[in-house]
Full PDB file with SEQRES, HELIX, SHEET, SSBOND, CRYST1, ORIGX, SCALE, CONECT and MASTER records, all heavy atoms in Angstrom:
SEQRES   1 A   29  TRP PHE ARG GLN ALA PRO GLY LYS GLU ARG GLU ALA VAL          
SEQRES   2 A   29  SER CYS ILE SER SER GLY ASP GLY SER THR TYR TYR ALA          
SEQRES   3 A   29  ASP SER VAL                                                  
SHEET    1 AA1 2 PHE A   2  ARG A   3  0                                        
SHEET    2 AA1 2 GLU A  11  ALA A  12 -1                                        
SHEET    1 AA2 2 SER A  14  ILE A  16  0                                        
SHEET    2 AA2 2 THR A  23  TYR A  25 -1                                        
CRYST1    1.000    1.000    1.000  90.00  90.00  90.00 P 1           1          
ORIGX1      1.000000  0.000000  0.000000        0.00000                         
ORIGX2      0.000000  1.000000  0.000000        0.00000                         
ORIGX3      0.000000  0.000000  1.000000        0.00000                         
SCALE1      1.000000  0.000000  0.000000        0.00000                         
SCALE2      0.000000  1.000000  0.000000        0.00000                         
SCALE3      0.000000  0.000000  1.000000        0.00000                         
ATOM      1  N   TRP A   1       0.861  -1.183   0.000  1.00  0.00           N  
ATOM      2  CA  TRP A   1       0.000   0.000   0.000  1.00  0.00           C  
ATOM      3  C   TRP A   1       0.899   1.236   0.000  1.00  0.00           C  
ATOM      4  O   TRP A   1       1.854   1.319   0.796  1.00  0.00           O  
ATOM      5  CB  TRP A   1      -0.913   0.033   1.225  1.00  0.00           C  
ATOM      6  CG  TRP A   1      -2.092  -0.871   1.147  1.00  0.00           C  
ATOM      7  CD1 TRP A   1      -2.225  -2.114   1.699  1.00  0.00           C  
ATOM      8  CD2 TRP A   1      -3.337  -0.604   0.500  1.00  0.00           C  
ATOM      9  NE1 TRP A   1      -3.458  -2.635   1.422  1.00  0.00           N  
ATOM     10  CE2 TRP A   1      -4.172  -1.728   0.691  1.00  0.00           C  
ATOM     11  CE3 TRP A   1      -3.840   0.479  -0.234  1.00  0.00           C  
ATOM     12  CZ2 TRP A   1      -5.469  -1.801   0.186  1.00  0.00           C  
ATOM     13  CZ3 TRP A   1      -5.124   0.409  -0.737  1.00  0.00           C  
ATOM     14  CH2 TRP A   1      -5.928  -0.724  -0.526  1.00  0.00           C  
ATOM     15  N   PHE A   2       0.561   2.177  -0.867  1.00  0.00           N  
ATOM     16  CA  PHE A   2       1.288   3.419  -0.982  1.00  0.00           C  
ATOM     17  C   PHE A   2       0.279   4.558  -0.963  1.00  0.00           C  
ATOM     18  O   PHE A   2      -0.913   4.345  -1.207  1.00  0.00           O  
ATOM     19  CB  PHE A   2       2.093   3.443  -2.287  1.00  0.00           C  
ATOM     20  CG  PHE A   2       3.106   2.334  -2.393  1.00  0.00           C  
ATOM     21  CD1 PHE A   2       2.734   1.064  -2.806  1.00  0.00           C  
ATOM     22  CD2 PHE A   2       4.425   2.558  -2.048  1.00  0.00           C  
ATOM     23  CE1 PHE A   2       3.660   0.028  -2.882  1.00  0.00           C  
ATOM     24  CE2 PHE A   2       5.364   1.538  -2.122  1.00  0.00           C  
ATOM     25  CZ  PHE A   2       4.980   0.271  -2.538  1.00  0.00           C  
ATOM     26  N   ARG A   3       0.745   5.761  -0.666  1.00  0.00           N  
ATOM     27  CA  ARG A   3      -0.177   6.893  -0.668  1.00  0.00           C  
ATOM     28  C   ARG A   3       0.516   8.136  -1.195  1.00  0.00           C  
ATOM     29  O   ARG A   3       1.742   8.270  -1.105  1.00  0.00           O  
ATOM     30  CB  ARG A   3      -0.728   7.143   0.737  1.00  0.00           C  
ATOM     31  CG  ARG A   3       0.311   7.626   1.755  1.00  0.00           C  
ATOM     32  CD  ARG A   3      -0.323   7.699   3.141  1.00  0.00           C  
ATOM     33  NE  ARG A   3       0.638   8.195   4.131  1.00  0.00           N  
ATOM     34  CZ  ARG A   3       0.371   8.273   5.440  1.00  0.00           C  
ATOM     35  NH1 ARG A   3      -0.812   7.879   5.911  1.00  0.00           N  
ATOM     36  NH2 ARG A   3       1.296   8.749   6.263  1.00  0.00           N  
ATOM     37  N   GLN A   4      -0.301   9.026  -1.743  1.00  0.00           N  
ATOM     38  CA  GLN A   4       0.225  10.283  -2.252  1.00  0.00           C  
ATOM     39  C   GLN A   4      -0.687  11.422  -1.844  1.00  0.00           C  
ATOM     40  O   GLN A   4      -1.855  11.453  -2.221  1.00  0.00           O  
ATOM     41  CB  GLN A   4       0.370  10.240  -3.776  1.00  0.00           C  
ATOM     42  CG  GLN A   4       1.074  11.462  -4.343  1.00  0.00           C  
ATOM     43  CD  GLN A   4       1.495  11.263  -5.780  1.00  0.00           C  
ATOM     44  OE1 GLN A   4       0.958  10.434  -6.504  1.00  0.00           O  
ATOM     45  NE2 GLN A   4       2.484  12.037  -6.216  1.00  0.00           N  
ATOM     46  N   ALA A   5      -0.147  12.329  -1.057  1.00  0.00           N  
ATOM     47  CA  ALA A   5      -0.878  13.517  -0.618  1.00  0.00           C  
ATOM     48  C   ALA A   5      -0.674  14.627  -1.647  1.00  0.00           C  
ATOM     49  O   ALA A   5       0.317  14.623  -2.384  1.00  0.00           O  
ATOM     50  CB  ALA A   5      -0.384  13.951   0.750  1.00  0.00           C  
ATOM     51  N   PRO A   6      -1.585  15.583  -1.693  1.00  0.00           N  
ATOM     52  CA  PRO A   6      -1.453  16.683  -2.656  1.00  0.00           C  
ATOM     53  C   PRO A   6      -0.125  17.402  -2.513  1.00  0.00           C  
ATOM     54  O   PRO A   6       0.286  17.768  -1.408  1.00  0.00           O  
ATOM     55  CB  PRO A   6      -2.623  17.598  -2.293  1.00  0.00           C  
ATOM     56  CG  PRO A   6      -3.626  16.694  -1.660  1.00  0.00           C  
ATOM     57  CD  PRO A   6      -2.822  15.672  -0.907  1.00  0.00           C  
ATOM     58  N   GLY A   7       0.572  17.565  -3.630  1.00  0.00           N  
ATOM     59  CA  GLY A   7       1.834  18.282  -3.621  1.00  0.00           C  
ATOM     60  C   GLY A   7       3.011  17.513  -3.071  1.00  0.00           C  
ATOM     61  O   GLY A   7       4.104  18.079  -2.921  1.00  0.00           O  
ATOM     62  N   LYS A   8       2.807  16.239  -2.761  1.00  0.00           N  
ATOM     63  CA  LYS A   8       3.893  15.439  -2.196  1.00  0.00           C  
ATOM     64  C   LYS A   8       4.175  14.220  -3.063  1.00  0.00           C  
ATOM     65  O   LYS A   8       3.352  13.805  -3.871  1.00  0.00           O  
ATOM     66  CB  LYS A   8       3.550  15.003  -0.773  1.00  0.00           C  
ATOM     67  CG  LYS A   8       3.421  16.149   0.214  1.00  0.00           C  
ATOM     68  CD  LYS A   8       3.235  15.629   1.627  1.00  0.00           C  
ATOM     69  CE  LYS A   8       3.182  16.771   2.632  1.00  0.00           C  
ATOM     70  NZ  LYS A   8       3.025  16.275   4.025  1.00  0.00           N  
ATOM     71  N   GLU A   9       5.339  13.622  -2.857  1.00  0.00           N  
ATOM     72  CA  GLU A   9       5.678  12.391  -3.569  1.00  0.00           C  
ATOM     73  C   GLU A   9       4.934  11.211  -2.941  1.00  0.00           C  
ATOM     74  O   GLU A   9       4.569  11.242  -1.759  1.00  0.00           O  
ATOM     75  CB  GLU A   9       7.188  12.156  -3.501  1.00  0.00           C  
ATOM     76  CG  GLU A   9       7.998  13.174  -4.283  1.00  0.00           C  
ATOM     77  CD  GLU A   9       9.464  12.809  -4.340  1.00  0.00           C  
ATOM     78  OE1 GLU A   9       9.864  11.822  -3.686  1.00  0.00           O  
ATOM     79  OE2 GLU A   9      10.219  13.506  -5.034  1.00  0.00           O  
ATOM     80  N   ARG A  10       4.766  10.190  -3.759  1.00  0.00           N  
ATOM     81  CA  ARG A  10       4.120   8.986  -3.249  1.00  0.00           C  
ATOM     82  C   ARG A  10       5.050   8.326  -2.227  1.00  0.00           C  
ATOM     83  O   ARG A  10       6.269   8.264  -2.430  1.00  0.00           O  
ATOM     84  CB  ARG A  10       3.802   8.034  -4.393  1.00  0.00           C  
ATOM     85  CG  ARG A  10       2.926   6.869  -3.990  1.00  0.00           C  
ATOM     86  CD  ARG A  10       2.215   6.269  -5.196  1.00  0.00           C  
ATOM     87  NE  ARG A  10       3.107   5.844  -6.245  1.00  0.00           N  
ATOM     88  CZ  ARG A  10       2.686   5.471  -7.444  1.00  0.00           C  
ATOM     89  NH1 ARG A  10       1.399   5.498  -7.744  1.00  0.00           N  
ATOM     90  NH2 ARG A  10       3.557   5.079  -8.343  1.00  0.00           N  
ATOM     91  N   GLU A  11       4.458   7.815  -1.139  1.00  0.00           N  
ATOM     92  CA  GLU A  11       5.251   7.182  -0.087  1.00  0.00           C  
ATOM     93  C   GLU A  11       4.664   5.823   0.258  1.00  0.00           C  
ATOM     94  O   GLU A  11       3.484   5.557   0.061  1.00  0.00           O  
ATOM     95  CB  GLU A  11       5.287   8.054   1.161  1.00  0.00           C  
ATOM     96  CG  GLU A  11       3.937   8.280   1.812  1.00  0.00           C  
ATOM     97  CD  GLU A  11       4.045   9.068   3.124  1.00  0.00           C  
ATOM     98  OE1 GLU A  11       5.160   9.440   3.524  1.00  0.00           O  
ATOM     99  OE2 GLU A  11       2.997   9.291   3.747  1.00  0.00           O  
ATOM    100  N   ALA A  12       5.522   4.972   0.777  1.00  0.00           N  
ATOM    101  CA  ALA A  12       5.093   3.631   1.164  1.00  0.00           C  
ATOM    102  C   ALA A  12       4.368   3.674   2.500  1.00  0.00           C  
ATOM    103  O   ALA A  12       4.707   4.468   3.390  1.00  0.00           O  
ATOM    104  CB  ALA A  12       6.287   2.706   1.244  1.00  0.00           C  
ATOM    105  N   VAL A  13       3.381   2.817   2.645  1.00  0.00           N  
ATOM    106  CA  VAL A  13       2.607   2.724   3.877  1.00  0.00           C  
ATOM    107  C   VAL A  13       2.828   1.378   4.555  1.00  0.00           C  
ATOM    108  O   VAL A  13       3.188   1.305   5.728  1.00  0.00           O  
ATOM    109  CB  VAL A  13       1.111   2.913   3.591  1.00  0.00           C  
ATOM    110  CG1 VAL A  13       0.285   2.704   4.852  1.00  0.00           C  
ATOM    111  CG2 VAL A  13       0.853   4.303   3.004  1.00  0.00           C  
ATOM    112  N   SER A  14       2.614   0.292   3.794  1.00  0.00           N  
ATOM    113  CA  SER A  14       2.699  -1.035   4.381  1.00  0.00           C  
ATOM    114  C   SER A  14       2.798  -2.069   3.271  1.00  0.00           C  
ATOM    115  O   SER A  14       2.493  -1.781   2.108  1.00  0.00           O  
ATOM    116  CB  SER A  14       1.442  -1.301   5.226  1.00  0.00           C  
ATOM    117  OG  SER A  14       1.486  -2.593   5.805  1.00  0.00           O  
ATOM    118  N   CYS A  15       3.240  -3.274   3.632  1.00  0.00           N  
ATOM    119  CA  CYS A  15       3.243  -4.368   2.649  1.00  0.00           C  
ATOM    120  C   CYS A  15       3.084  -5.696   3.372  1.00  0.00           C  
ATOM    121  O   CYS A  15       3.315  -5.786   4.592  1.00  0.00           O  
ATOM    122  CB  CYS A  15       4.505  -4.362   1.793  1.00  0.00           C  
ATOM    123  SG  CYS A  15       6.040  -4.762   2.662  1.00  0.00           S  
ATOM    124  N   ILE A  16       2.674  -6.703   2.604  1.00  0.00           N  
ATOM    125  CA  ILE A  16       2.509  -8.054   3.132  1.00  0.00           C  
ATOM    126  C   ILE A  16       3.038  -9.032   2.093  1.00  0.00           C  
ATOM    127  O   ILE A  16       2.781  -8.892   0.889  1.00  0.00           O  
ATOM    128  CB  ILE A  16       1.033  -8.333   3.490  1.00  0.00           C  
ATOM    129  CG1 ILE A  16       0.885  -9.691   4.177  1.00  0.00           C  
ATOM    130  CG2 ILE A  16       0.128  -8.230   2.264  1.00  0.00           C  
ATOM    131  CD1 ILE A  16      -0.486  -9.882   4.844  1.00  0.00           C  
ATOM    132  N   SER A  17       3.808 -10.012   2.552  1.00  0.00           N  
ATOM    133  CA  SER A  17       4.411 -10.967   1.626  1.00  0.00           C  
ATOM    134  C   SER A  17       3.394 -12.014   1.196  1.00  0.00           C  
ATOM    135  O   SER A  17       2.343 -12.189   1.817  1.00  0.00           O  
ATOM    136  CB  SER A  17       5.612 -11.651   2.285  1.00  0.00           C  
ATOM    137  OG  SER A  17       5.185 -12.500   3.326  1.00  0.00           O  
ATOM    138  N   SER A  18       3.741 -12.740   0.131  1.00  0.00           N  
ATOM    139  CA  SER A  18       2.847 -13.769  -0.386  1.00  0.00           C  
ATOM    140  C   SER A  18       2.994 -15.085   0.353  1.00  0.00           C  
ATOM    141  O   SER A  18       2.064 -15.878   0.401  1.00  0.00           O  
ATOM    142  CB  SER A  18       3.132 -14.006  -1.871  1.00  0.00           C  
ATOM    143  OG  SER A  18       4.482 -14.419  -2.050  1.00  0.00           O  
ATOM    144  N   GLY A  19       4.142 -15.341   0.938  1.00  0.00           N  
ATOM    145  CA  GLY A  19       4.395 -16.632   1.561  1.00  0.00           C  
ATOM    146  C   GLY A  19       3.899 -16.725   2.980  1.00  0.00           C  
ATOM    147  O   GLY A  19       2.780 -17.158   3.251  1.00  0.00           O  
ATOM    148  N   ASP A  20       4.736 -16.272   3.903  1.00  0.00           N  
ATOM    149  CA  ASP A  20       4.378 -16.406   5.317  1.00  0.00           C  
ATOM    150  C   ASP A  20       3.552 -15.238   5.844  1.00  0.00           C  
ATOM    151  O   ASP A  20       3.235 -15.196   7.023  1.00  0.00           O  
ATOM    152  CB  ASP A  20       5.642 -16.576   6.173  1.00  0.00           C  
ATOM    153  CG  ASP A  20       6.569 -15.372   6.102  1.00  0.00           C  
ATOM    154  OD1 ASP A  20       6.215 -14.383   5.427  1.00  0.00           O  
ATOM    155  OD2 ASP A  20       7.642 -15.433   6.719  1.00  0.00           O  
ATOM    156  N   GLY A  21       3.223 -14.304   4.969  1.00  0.00           N  
ATOM    157  CA  GLY A  21       2.375 -13.194   5.393  1.00  0.00           C  
ATOM    158  C   GLY A  21       3.100 -12.177   6.253  1.00  0.00           C  
ATOM    159  O   GLY A  21       2.457 -11.430   7.006  1.00  0.00           O  
ATOM    160  N   SER A  22       4.431 -12.112   6.133  1.00  0.00           N  
ATOM    161  CA  SER A  22       5.178 -11.111   6.889  1.00  0.00           C  
ATOM    162  C   SER A  22       4.725  -9.707   6.484  1.00  0.00           C  
ATOM    163  O   SER A  22       4.406  -9.466   5.318  1.00  0.00           O  
ATOM    164  CB  SER A  22       6.675 -11.257   6.620  1.00  0.00           C  
ATOM    165  OG  SER A  22       7.137 -12.510   7.043  1.00  0.00           O  
ATOM    166  N   THR A  23       4.720  -8.816   7.449  1.00  0.00           N  
ATOM    167  CA  THR A  23       4.242  -7.453   7.195  1.00  0.00           C  
ATOM    168  C   THR A  23       5.282  -6.416   7.597  1.00  0.00           C  
ATOM    169  O   THR A  23       6.116  -6.664   8.486  1.00  0.00           O  
ATOM    170  CB  THR A  23       2.945  -7.185   7.962  1.00  0.00           C  
ATOM    171  OG1 THR A  23       3.192  -7.365   9.369  1.00  0.00           O  
ATOM    172  CG2 THR A  23       1.838  -8.142   7.529  1.00  0.00           C  
ATOM    173  N   TYR A  24       5.208  -5.276   6.945  1.00  0.00           N  
ATOM    174  CA  TYR A  24       6.077  -4.143   7.278  1.00  0.00           C  
ATOM    175  C   TYR A  24       5.244  -2.873   7.218  1.00  0.00           C  
ATOM    176  O   TYR A  24       4.289  -2.778   6.443  1.00  0.00           O  
ATOM    177  CB  TYR A  24       7.249  -4.062   6.307  1.00  0.00           C  
ATOM    178  CG  TYR A  24       8.186  -5.238   6.415  1.00  0.00           C  
ATOM    179  CD1 TYR A  24       8.032  -6.340   5.579  1.00  0.00           C  
ATOM    180  CD2 TYR A  24       9.204  -5.254   7.361  1.00  0.00           C  
ATOM    181  CE1 TYR A  24       8.874  -7.430   5.687  1.00  0.00           C  
ATOM    182  CE2 TYR A  24      10.052  -6.345   7.466  1.00  0.00           C  
ATOM    183  CZ  TYR A  24       9.880  -7.426   6.627  1.00  0.00           C  
ATOM    184  OH  TYR A  24      10.715  -8.509   6.749  1.00  0.00           O  
ATOM    185  N   TYR A  25       5.638  -1.912   8.053  1.00  0.00           N  
ATOM    186  CA  TYR A  25       4.899  -0.657   8.121  1.00  0.00           C  
ATOM    187  C   TYR A  25       5.860   0.521   8.131  1.00  0.00           C  
ATOM    188  O   TYR A  25       6.945   0.445   8.721  1.00  0.00           O  
ATOM    189  CB  TYR A  25       4.044  -0.603   9.388  1.00  0.00           C  
ATOM    190  CG  TYR A  25       3.000  -1.684   9.465  1.00  0.00           C  
ATOM    191  CD1 TYR A  25       3.275  -2.905  10.083  1.00  0.00           C  
ATOM    192  CD2 TYR A  25       1.736  -1.490   8.915  1.00  0.00           C  
ATOM    193  CE1 TYR A  25       2.318  -3.903  10.141  1.00  0.00           C  
ATOM    194  CE2 TYR A  25       0.771  -2.483   8.976  1.00  0.00           C  
ATOM    195  CZ  TYR A  25       1.071  -3.689   9.594  1.00  0.00           C  
ATOM    196  OH  TYR A  25       0.125  -4.672   9.651  1.00  0.00           O  
ATOM    197  N   ALA A  26       5.419   1.605   7.515  1.00  0.00           N  
ATOM    198  CA  ALA A  26       6.156   2.851   7.648  1.00  0.00           C  
ATOM    199  C   ALA A  26       6.021   3.340   9.089  1.00  0.00           C  
ATOM    200  O   ALA A  26       5.002   3.095   9.744  1.00  0.00           O  
ATOM    201  CB  ALA A  26       5.592   3.897   6.685  1.00  0.00           C  
ATOM    202  N   ASP A  27       7.032   4.020   9.581  1.00  0.00           N  
ATOM    203  CA  ASP A  27       7.000   4.490  10.967  1.00  0.00           C  
ATOM    204  C   ASP A  27       5.792   5.387  11.237  1.00  0.00           C  
ATOM    205  O   ASP A  27       5.247   5.391  12.347  1.00  0.00           O  
ATOM    206  CB  ASP A  27       8.284   5.260  11.280  1.00  0.00           C  
ATOM    207  CG  ASP A  27       9.499   4.344  11.392  1.00  0.00           C  
ATOM    208  OD1 ASP A  27       9.316   3.118  11.538  1.00  0.00           O  
ATOM    209  OD2 ASP A  27      10.630   4.862  11.318  1.00  0.00           O  
ATOM    210  N   SER A  28       5.364   6.118  10.230  1.00  0.00           N  
ATOM    211  CA  SER A  28       4.274   7.069  10.412  1.00  0.00           C  
ATOM    212  C   SER A  28       2.927   6.400  10.683  1.00  0.00           C  
ATOM    213  O   SER A  28       2.001   7.050  11.187  1.00  0.00           O  
ATOM    214  CB  SER A  28       4.156   7.969   9.180  1.00  0.00           C  
ATOM    215  OG  SER A  28       3.931   7.195   8.014  1.00  0.00           O  
ATOM    216  N   VAL A  29       2.801   5.115  10.342  1.00  0.00           N  
ATOM    217  CA  VAL A  29       1.519   4.430  10.526  1.00  0.00           C  
ATOM    218  C   VAL A  29       1.618   3.246  11.485  1.00  0.00           C  
ATOM    219  O   VAL A  29       0.598   2.625  11.814  1.00  0.00           O  
ATOM    220  CB  VAL A  29       0.937   3.943   9.181  1.00  0.00           C  
ATOM    221  CG1 VAL A  29       0.837   5.098   8.199  1.00  0.00           C  
ATOM    222  CG2 VAL A  29       1.749   2.789   8.602  1.00  0.00           C  
TER     223      VAL A  29                                                      
MASTER        0    0    0    0    4    0    0    6  222    1    0    3          
END                                                                             
């Protein structure tokens, strides 16, 4: 998942792998 606010670059939010379902999050969320 990525997001883009008005006037800003797109940034990463979170992701989940296909195998074991490992997840990662941006510090902001």
